[in-house]
C-alpha atoms as a PDB file:
ATOM      1  CA  MET A   1      12.131 -25.491 -21.763  1.00  0.00           C
ATOM      2  CA  THR A   2      13.389 -27.981 -19.041  1.00  0.00           C
ATOM      3  CA  GLN A   3      16.935 -26.794 -19.344  1.00  0.00           C
ATOM      4  CA  TYR A   4      15.513 -23.132 -19.064  1.00  0.00           C
ATOM      5  CA  PHE A   5      14.007 -24.215 -15.607  1.00  0.00           C
ATOM      6  CA  ASP A   6      17.351 -26.435 -14.791  1.00  0.00           C
ATOM      7  CA  ALA A   7      19.387 -23.177 -15.266  1.00  0.00           C
ATOM      8  CA  VAL A   8      16.890 -20.972 -13.014  1.00  0.00           C
ATOM      9  CA  LYS A   9      17.309 -23.779 -10.049  1.00  0.00           C
ATOM     10  CA  ALA A  10      21.353 -23.255 -10.624  1.00  0.00           C
ATOM     11  CA  GLN A  11      20.905 -19.416  -9.741  1.00  0.00           C
ATOM     12  CA  LEU A  12      18.124 -20.172  -7.200  1.00  0.00           C
ATOM     13  CA  LYS A  13      20.989 -22.085  -5.207  1.00  0.00           C
ATOM     14  CA  ASP A  14      22.789 -18.846  -4.348  1.00  0.00           C
ATOM     15  CA  TRP A  15      20.347 -18.275  -0.982  1.00  0.00           C
ATOM     16  CA  LYS A  16      20.833 -14.662  -1.522  1.00  0.00           C
ATOM     17  CA  VAL A  17      19.981 -14.743  -5.010  1.00  0.00           C
ATOM     18  CA  ALA A  18      16.697 -17.005  -4.482  1.00  0.00           C
ATOM     19  CA  ILE A  19      15.606 -13.986  -1.958  1.00  0.00           C
ATOM     20  CA  LEU A  20      16.013 -11.603  -4.123  1.00  0.00           C
ATOM     21  CA  VAL A  21      14.484 -13.387  -7.302  1.00  0.00           C
ATOM     22  CA  ILE A  22      11.654 -14.664  -5.215  1.00  0.00           C
ATOM     23  CA  VAL A  23      10.805 -10.690  -3.680  1.00  0.00           C
ATOM     24  CA  PHE A  24      11.241  -8.996  -6.533  1.00  0.00           C
ATOM     25  CA  THR A  25       9.393 -11.211  -9.266  1.00  0.00           C
ATOM     26  CA  VAL A  26       6.369 -11.166  -6.819  1.00  0.00           C
ATOM     27  CA  ALA A  27       6.655  -7.285  -6.370  1.00  0.00           C
ATOM     28  CA  ARG A  28       6.902  -7.181 -10.129  1.00  0.00           C
ATOM     29  CA  ILE A  29       4.133  -8.829 -10.240  1.00  0.00           C
ATOM     30  CA  ILE A  30       2.064  -7.052  -7.882  1.00  0.00           C
ATOM     31  CA  TYR A  31       3.554  -3.608  -8.941  1.00  0.00           C
ATOM     32  CA  GLY A  32       2.418  -4.476 -12.754  1.00  0.00           C
ATOM     33  CA  TRP A  33      -0.866  -5.619 -11.575  1.00  0.00           C
ATOM     34  CA  ALA A  34      -1.491  -2.172 -10.055  1.00  0.00           C
ATOM     35  CA  TRP A  35      -0.647  -0.438 -13.322  1.00  0.00           C
ATOM     36  CA  VAL A  36      -2.911  -2.575 -15.106  1.00  0.00           C
ATOM     37  CA  GLU A  37      -5.645  -1.814 -12.468  1.00  0.00           C
ATOM     38  CA  ALA A  38      -4.861   2.306 -12.675  1.00  0.00           C
ATOM     39  CA  GLY A  39      -4.789   1.866 -16.828  1.00  0.00           C
ATOM     40  CA  LEU A  40      -8.192   0.084 -17.241  1.00  0.00           C
ATOM     41  CA  HIS A  41      -9.883   2.197 -14.245  1.00  0.00           C
ATOM     42  CA  LYS A  42      -8.788   5.396 -16.807  1.00  0.00           C
ATOM     43  CA  LEU A  43     -10.076   3.510 -19.786  1.00  0.00           C
ATOM     44  CA  ALA A  44     -13.547   3.482 -18.030  1.00  0.00           C
ATOM     45  CA  TRP A  45     -13.319   7.129 -17.489  1.00  0.00           C
ATOM     46  CA  PHE A  46     -12.130   7.521 -20.688  1.00  0.00           C
ATOM     47  CA  SER A  47     -14.767   6.134 -22.216  1.00  0.00           C
ATOM     48  CA  ASP A  48     -17.420   8.021 -20.111  1.00  0.00           C
ATOM     49  CA  GLY A  49     -15.565  11.596 -21.717  1.00  0.00           C
ATOM     50  CA  LYS A  50     -14.349  12.320 -18.068  1.00  0.00           C
ATOM     51  CA  LEU A  51     -10.447  11.777 -17.889  1.00  0.00           C
ATOM     52  CA  ASN A  52      -9.232  15.377 -18.003  1.00  0.00           C
ATOM     53  CA  SER A  53      -5.610  15.385 -18.782  1.00  0.00           C
ATOM     54  CA  ALA A  54      -5.672  18.798 -19.972  1.00  0.00           C
ATOM     55  CA  GLY A  55      -6.539  20.018 -16.129  1.00  0.00           C
ATOM     56  CA  LEU A  56      -4.262  18.092 -14.581  1.00  0.00           C
ATOM     57  CA  ILE A  57      -0.899  19.181 -17.061  1.00  0.00           C
ATOM     58  CA  LYS A  58      -2.480  22.434 -16.184  1.00  0.00           C
ATOM     59  CA  GLY A  59      -2.041  21.992 -12.563  1.00  0.00           C
ATOM     60  CA  LEU A  60       1.055  20.501 -13.033  1.00  0.00           C
ATOM     61  CA  VAL A  61       2.447  23.997 -14.915  1.00  0.00           C
ATOM     62  CA  THR A  62       1.205  26.046 -11.935  1.00  0.00           C
ATOM     63  CA  ASN A  63       3.245  23.489  -9.888  1.00  0.00           C
ATOM     64  CA  LEU A  64       6.232  24.273 -11.629  1.00  0.00           C
ATOM     65  CA  VAL A  65       6.183  27.376 -12.765  1.00  0.00           C
ATOM     66  CA  GLY A  66       3.385  29.311 -10.907  1.00  0.00           C
ATOM     67  CA  PRO A  67       3.206  32.608  -9.102  1.00  0.00           C
ATOM     68  CA  LYS A  68       3.903  30.925  -5.621  1.00  0.00           C
ATOM     69  CA  VAL A  69       7.079  28.921  -7.006  1.00  0.00           C
ATOM     70  CA  THR A  70      10.132  30.339  -5.675  1.00  0.00           C
ATOM     71  CA  HIS A  71      11.489  30.126  -9.293  1.00  0.00           C
ATOM     72  CA  PHE A  72      14.986  28.670  -8.213  1.00  0.00           C
ATOM     73  CA  ASP A  73      15.931  26.757 -11.269  1.00  0.00           C
ATOM     74  CA  PRO A  74      19.452  27.438 -11.993  1.00  0.00           C
ATOM     75  CA  LEU A  75      19.344  24.976 -15.553  1.00  0.00           C
ATOM     76  CA  GLY A  76      16.042  25.843 -16.697  1.00  0.00           C
ATOM     77  CA  ILE A  77      14.421  22.717 -16.213  1.00  0.00           C
ATOM     78  CA  ASN A  78      11.033  23.629 -14.733  1.00  0.00           C
ATOM     79  CA  GLN A  79      10.673  25.917 -17.349  1.00  0.00           C
ATOM     80  CA  ALA A  80      11.452  23.685 -20.421  1.00  0.00           C
ATOM     81  CA  PHE A  81       8.867  20.975 -18.690  1.00  0.00           C
ATOM     82  CA  ALA A  82       6.497  23.917 -18.500  1.00  0.00           C
ATOM     83  CA  TRP A  83       7.170  24.672 -22.024  1.00  0.00           C
ATOM     84  CA  ILE A  84       6.941  21.233 -23.040  1.00  0.00           C
ATOM     85  CA  ALA A  85       3.549  20.434 -21.236  1.00  0.00           C
ATOM     86  CA  ASN A  86       1.675  24.032 -22.303  1.00  0.00           C
ATOM     87  CA  ASN A  87       3.111  23.291 -26.476  1.00  0.00           C
ATOM     88  CA  VAL A  88       2.726  19.893 -26.585  1.00  0.00           C
ATOM     89  CA  PHE A  89       0.563  17.885 -24.390  1.00  0.00           C
ATOM     90  CA  LEU A  90      -1.944  20.789 -24.061  1.00  0.00           C
ATOM     91  CA  SER A  91      -2.462  20.955 -27.512  1.00  0.00           C
ATOM     92  CA  MET A  92      -3.192  17.376 -27.838  1.00  0.00           C
ATOM     93  CA  PRO A  93      -5.316  16.471 -24.939  1.00  0.00           C
ATOM     94  CA  THR A  94      -7.244  13.695 -26.317  1.00  0.00           C
ATOM     95  CA  LEU A  95      -3.953  12.296 -27.441  1.00  0.00           C
ATOM     96  CA  THR A  96      -2.444  12.788 -24.023  1.00  0.00           C
ATOM     97  CA  ASP A  97      -5.565  11.141 -22.314  1.00  0.00           C
ATOM     98  CA  ALA A  98      -5.407   7.805 -24.507  1.00  0.00           C
ATOM     99  CA  LEU A  99      -1.057   7.983 -24.204  1.00  0.00           C
ATOM    100  CA  VAL A 100      -1.488   7.679 -20.008  1.00  0.00           C
ATOM    101  CA  VAL A 101      -4.276   5.373 -20.255  1.00  0.00           C
ATOM    102  CA  ILE A 102      -2.108   3.172 -23.200  1.00  0.00           C
ATOM    103  CA  LEU A 103       1.419   3.462 -21.108  1.00  0.00           C
ATOM    104  CA  GLU A 104      -0.369   2.440 -18.021  1.00  0.00           C
ATOM    105  CA  ILE A 105      -1.398  -0.709 -19.110  1.00  0.00           C
ATOM    106  CA  LEU A 106       1.445  -1.746 -21.265  1.00  0.00           C
ATOM    107  CA  VAL A 107       3.860  -0.833 -18.157  1.00  0.00           C
ATOM    108  CA  GLY A 108       1.465  -3.451 -16.205  1.00  0.00           C
ATOM    109  CA  VAL A 109       1.492  -5.588 -18.613  1.00  0.00           C
ATOM    110  CA  VAL A 110       5.598  -5.532 -19.567  1.00  0.00           C
ATOM    111  CA  MET A 111       6.075  -5.975 -15.465  1.00  0.00           C
ATOM    112  CA  ILE A 112       3.776  -8.782 -14.835  1.00  0.00           C
ATOM    113  CA  LEU A 113       5.301 -10.747 -17.832  1.00  0.00           C
ATOM    114  CA  GLY A 114       8.902  -9.706 -16.624  1.00  0.00           C
ATOM    115  CA  LEU A 115       9.687  -8.105 -20.059  1.00  0.00           C
ATOM    116  CA  ARG A 116      12.511  -5.299 -19.936  1.00  0.00           C
ATOM    117  CA  VAL A 117      11.821  -4.599 -16.446  1.00  0.00           C
ATOM    118  CA  PHE A 118      14.326  -2.073 -16.277  1.00  0.00           C
ATOM    119  CA  TRP A 119      12.519   0.345 -19.528  1.00  0.00           C
ATOM    120  CA  ALA A 120       8.901  -0.210 -17.803  1.00  0.00           C
ATOM    121  CA  ALA A 121      10.318   0.951 -14.386  1.00  0.00           C
ATOM    122  CA  LEU A 122      11.957   3.889 -16.414  1.00  0.00           C
ATOM    123  CA  ILE A 123       8.858   4.750 -18.225  1.00  0.00           C
ATOM    124  CA  ALA A 124       6.686   4.025 -14.791  1.00  0.00           C
ATOM    125  CA  ILE A 125       8.913   6.298 -12.752  1.00  0.00           C
ATOM    126  CA  PHE A 126       8.525   9.028 -15.514  1.00  0.00           C
ATOM    127  CA  MET A 127       4.966   9.263 -15.255  1.00  0.00           C
ATOM    128  CA  ASN A 128       4.657   9.287 -11.267  1.00  0.00           C
ATOM    129  CA  VAL A 129       6.625  12.299 -11.325  1.00  0.00           C
ATOM    130  CA  GLN A 130       4.494  14.068 -13.544  1.00  0.00           C
ATOM    131  CA  PHE A 131       1.422  12.894 -11.578  1.00  0.00           C
ATOM    132  CA  ILE A 132       3.193  14.221  -8.443  1.00  0.00           C
ATOM    133  CA  ALA A 133       4.207  17.282  -9.773  1.00  0.00           C
ATOM    134  CA  ALA A 134       0.019  17.759 -10.983  1.00  0.00           C
ATOM    135  CA  GLY A 135      -0.427  17.538  -7.125  1.00  0.00           C
ATOM    136  CA  SER A 136      -0.968  13.689  -6.545  1.00  0.00           C
ATOM    137  CA  PHE A 137       1.188  12.892  -3.899  1.00  0.00           C
ATOM    138  CA  ASN A 138      -0.228   9.165  -3.558  1.00  0.00           C
ATOM    139  CA  ASN A 139       2.915   8.396  -6.129  1.00  0.00           C
ATOM    140  CA  PHE A 140       5.833   7.968  -3.338  1.00  0.00           C
ATOM    141  CA  GLY A 141       5.320   4.193  -2.666  1.00  0.00           C
ATOM    142  CA  TYR A 142       5.478   3.911  -6.568  1.00  0.00           C
ATOM    143  CA  ILE A 143       8.483   5.858  -6.801  1.00  0.00           C
ATOM    144  CA  TRP A 144      10.751   3.692  -4.534  1.00  0.00           C
ATOM    145  CA  THR A 145       9.416   0.991  -6.372  1.00  0.00           C
ATOM    146  CA  ASN A 146      10.302   2.464  -9.553  1.00  0.00           C
ATOM    147  CA  LEU A 147      13.868   2.420  -8.076  1.00  0.00           C
ATOM    148  CA  ALA A 148      14.412  -0.715  -6.445  1.00  0.00           C
ATOM    149  CA  MET A 149      12.913  -1.972  -9.787  1.00  0.00           C
ATOM    150  CA  LEU A 150      15.821  -0.066 -11.845  1.00  0.00           C
ATOM    151  CA  LYS A 151      18.227  -1.300  -9.833  1.00  0.00           C
ATOM    152  CA  PHE A 152      17.354  -5.105  -9.373  1.00  0.00           C
ATOM    153  CA  ALA A 153      16.177  -5.657 -12.927  1.00  0.00           C
ATOM    154  CA  LYS A 154      17.562  -8.801 -13.469  1.00  0.00           C
ATOM    155  CA  TYR A 155      16.390 -10.227 -10.740  1.00  0.00           C
ATOM    156  CA  ALA A 156      13.253  -9.334 -11.260  1.00  0.00           C
ATOM    157  CA  GLU A 157      13.544 -10.937 -14.966  1.00  0.00           C
ATOM    158  CA  LEU A 158      14.902 -13.912 -13.825  1.00  0.00           C
ATOM    159  CA  ILE A 159      11.698 -15.835 -13.751  1.00  0.00           C
ATOM    160  CA  GLY A 160       9.925 -14.327 -16.722  1.00  0.00           C
ATOM    161  CA  VAL A 161       9.860 -13.556 -20.344  1.00  0.00           C
ATOM    162  CA  ASP A 162      13.262 -11.589 -20.230  1.00  0.00           C
ATOM    163  CA  GLY A 163      15.032 -14.185 -18.617  1.00  0.00           C
ATOM    164  CA  PHE A 164      13.852 -16.909 -20.971  1.00  0.00           C
ATOM    165  CA  LEU A 165      15.017 -14.850 -23.557  1.00  0.00           C
ATOM    166  CA  ARG A 166      18.403 -14.175 -22.224  1.00  0.00           C
ATOM    167  CA  PHE A 167      18.836 -18.152 -21.338  1.00  0.00           C
ATOM    168  CA  ARG A 168      17.704 -18.848 -24.997  1.00  0.00           C
ATOM    169  CA  ASN A 169      19.901 -16.484 -26.460  1.00  0.00           C
ATOM    170  CA  GLY A 170      23.040 -18.208 -24.938  1.00  0.00           C
ATOM    171  CA  ASP A 171      23.333 -16.421 -21.533  1.00  0.00           C
ATOM    172  CA  LYS A 172      23.116 -19.347 -19.878  1.00  0.00           C
ATOM    173  CA  SER A 173      23.958 -18.159 -16.645  1.00  0.00           C
ATOM    174  CA  MET A 174      21.867 -15.559 -16.687  1.00  0.00           C
ATOM    175  CA  LEU A 175      22.810 -13.941 -13.233  1.00  0.00           C
ATOM    176  CA  MET A 176      26.552 -13.211 -13.162  1.00  0.00           C
ATOM    177  CA  THR A 177      28.323 -15.329 -10.557  1.00  0.00           C
ATOM    178  CA  GLY A 178      31.347 -16.226  -8.175  1.00  0.00           C
ATOM    179  CA  ASP A 179      33.492 -13.477  -9.115  1.00  0.00           C
ATOM    180  CA  LYS A 180      31.199 -11.518 -11.791  1.00  0.00           C
ATOM    181  CA  LYS A 181      28.715 -11.054  -9.318  1.00  0.00           C
ATOM    182  CA  GLN A 182      26.462  -8.223  -9.553  1.00  0.00           C
ATOM    183  CA  SER A 183      26.750  -5.908  -7.197  1.00  0.00           C
ATOM    184  CA  MET A 184      23.892  -5.942  -4.967  1.00  0.00           C
END
């Protein structure tokens, strides 16, 4: 374990890397906690029977292909997504409710631990786009955070489970340095 800490210290000698790692580690933990809180809040709704994803999914479909939509969809993406929402998610609203809660808590825990941040941010961006499409416009900050986490995942993971696992699997540098430095 001390070798891992020594390797992290070596990576942090570059002040640019140190700033990125510190900022994205703190952001990752705060962001992860926000996801855990959102999931736990919905878990309380779920236990009261008040979580209603079916109503939100119907709102999403209306916002995508409803009568007031201009229907400029040359690739049929909105139509395909509306079909999936109607035929898959609306056919199993209880499972959808449970999946929302489970995925929110899972994204949060994974972010806090620093394990597969890129994939957690990808799932988070998918969920945030669904919330926006359903009419919840308070998710734009989450979208930008997801995009930043996608881009800087290695820095966010350096001090976390993934950083430790990369080190243990023989990637002693953990972040490329010198001529092989990652583009920032």
